[in-house]
Amino acid sequence: MTGKTLEIKKKTDNRLREICEGLSHRKRVVLVIAALILFAVTAVYMAVSSICFEQKHELNIKHIEGLKLNYDSDSINILKIRNYDNKH
C-alpha cells in the first residue's frame, strides 16, 4: 500500500473505533444484527429478482457458425508443413 492509502486507512479505522467505543454493548449488538438483516434481505431480493427476470425473458441463443479460413493467404499453411514432414 502507498503511504497515503495507509494513512487514510488508519484515520478511518480510528474514527470507526471512536464511534463504536461510544456505543453501549447492547447498541452494538443491535447495530450488527440490523446490518446482518439488511444484508440478508438484499441478498434474497437479488436472488429472487434474478430468477424472476430469467423466467420473464427468454434468452435468444444462436448457434456458433464455423469460421471460414483463407489458407492461400495464410503465412502458416498446414499443407506445406505436412509436405516438409514428408520430405524427411
Protein backbone atom coordinates (compact mmCIF):
# COMPACT_ATOMS: atom_id res chain seq x y z
CA MET A 1 0.00 0.00 0.00
CA THR A 2 1.12 3.51 -0.61
CA GLY A 3 1.73 5.89 2.26
CA LYS A 4 -1.36 7.98 1.54
CA THR A 5 -3.62 4.93 1.32
CA LEU A 6 -2.25 3.58 4.59
CA GLU A 7 -2.81 6.96 6.26
CA ILE A 8 -6.44 7.10 5.08
CA LYS A 9 -6.99 3.53 6.30
CA LYS A 10 -5.61 4.36 9.75
CA LYS A 11 -7.75 7.51 10.03
CA THR A 12 -10.88 5.63 9.00
CA ASP A 13 -10.11 2.79 11.41
CA ASN A 14 -9.53 5.19 14.31
CA ARG A 15 -12.74 7.12 13.58
CA LEU A 16 -14.77 3.90 13.44
CA ARG A 17 -13.26 2.74 16.75
CA GLU A 18 -14.17 6.07 18.37
CA ILE A 19 -17.77 5.75 17.20
CA CYS A 20 -18.04 2.13 18.39
CA GLU A 21 -16.50 2.91 21.79
CA GLY A 22 -19.24 5.46 22.36
CA LEU A 23 -21.93 2.82 21.91
CA SER A 24 -23.06 0.53 24.68
CA HIS A 25 -22.75 -3.24 24.23
CA ARG A 26 -26.49 -3.57 23.63
CA LYS A 27 -26.47 -0.87 20.92
CA ARG A 28 -23.52 -2.52 19.18
CA VAL A 29 -25.34 -5.86 19.14
CA VAL A 30 -28.48 -4.22 17.74
CA LEU A 31 -26.41 -2.44 15.08
CA VAL A 32 -24.68 -5.66 14.00
CA ILE A 33 -27.96 -7.58 13.85
CA ALA A 34 -29.61 -4.77 11.85
CA ALA A 35 -26.70 -4.77 9.36
CA LEU A 36 -26.92 -8.56 9.08
CA ILE A 37 -30.66 -8.44 8.42
CA LEU A 38 -30.21 -5.69 5.82
CA PHE A 39 -27.54 -7.75 4.05
CA ALA A 40 -29.68 -10.92 4.14
CA VAL A 41 -32.76 -9.15 2.79
CA THR A 42 -30.71 -7.59 -0.02
CA ALA A 43 -29.17 -10.96 -0.95
CA VAL A 44 -32.54 -12.72 -1.00
CA TYR A 45 -34.10 -9.90 -3.05
CA MET A 46 -31.31 -10.05 -5.63
CA ALA A 47 -31.54 -13.84 -5.88
CA VAL A 48 -35.34 -13.85 -6.30
CA SER A 49 -35.34 -10.97 -8.75
CA SER A 50 -32.68 -12.64 -10.91
CA ILE A 51 -34.73 -15.85 -11.04
CA CYS A 52 -37.90 -13.93 -11.94
CA PHE A 53 -36.01 -11.93 -14.58
CA GLU A 54 -34.78 -15.15 -16.22
CA GLN A 55 -38.30 -16.55 -16.37
CA LYS A 56 -39.74 -13.40 -17.97
CA HIS A 57 -37.09 -13.02 -20.65
CA GLU A 58 -36.07 -15.97 -22.74
CA LEU A 59 -32.52 -15.93 -23.91
CA ASN A 60 -32.11 -15.90 -27.68
CA ILE A 61 -29.02 -18.02 -28.21
CA LYS A 62 -27.76 -18.53 -31.74
CA HIS A 63 -25.60 -21.46 -32.72
CA ILE A 64 -21.97 -20.80 -33.44
CA GLU A 65 -21.10 -20.99 -37.11
CA GLY A 66 -17.82 -22.32 -38.42
CA LEU A 67 -15.09 -19.86 -39.23
CA LYS A 68 -14.07 -19.81 -42.89
CA LEU A 69 -10.30 -19.55 -43.15
CA ASN A 70 -8.43 -18.47 -46.24
CA TYR A 71 -5.47 -20.86 -46.39
CA ASP A 72 -4.00 -19.31 -49.56
CA SER A 73 -3.01 -16.06 -47.87
CA ASP A 74 -2.14 -17.69 -44.54
CA SER A 75 1.53 -17.39 -43.56
CA ILE A 76 1.49 -20.85 -41.97
CA ASN A 77 -0.11 -23.35 -44.31
CA ILE A 78 -0.75 -26.74 -42.74
CA LEU A 79 -0.43 -28.47 -46.10
CA LYS A 80 3.08 -27.05 -46.64
CA ILE A 81 4.12 -28.18 -43.18
CA ARG A 82 2.93 -31.70 -43.98
CA ASN A 83 4.94 -31.60 -47.22
CA TYR A 84 8.05 -30.66 -45.27
CA ASP A 85 7.45 -33.55 -42.91
CA ASN A 86 7.10 -35.99 -45.83
CA LYS A 87 10.44 -34.94 -47.39
CA HIS A 88 12.46 -36.23 -44.44
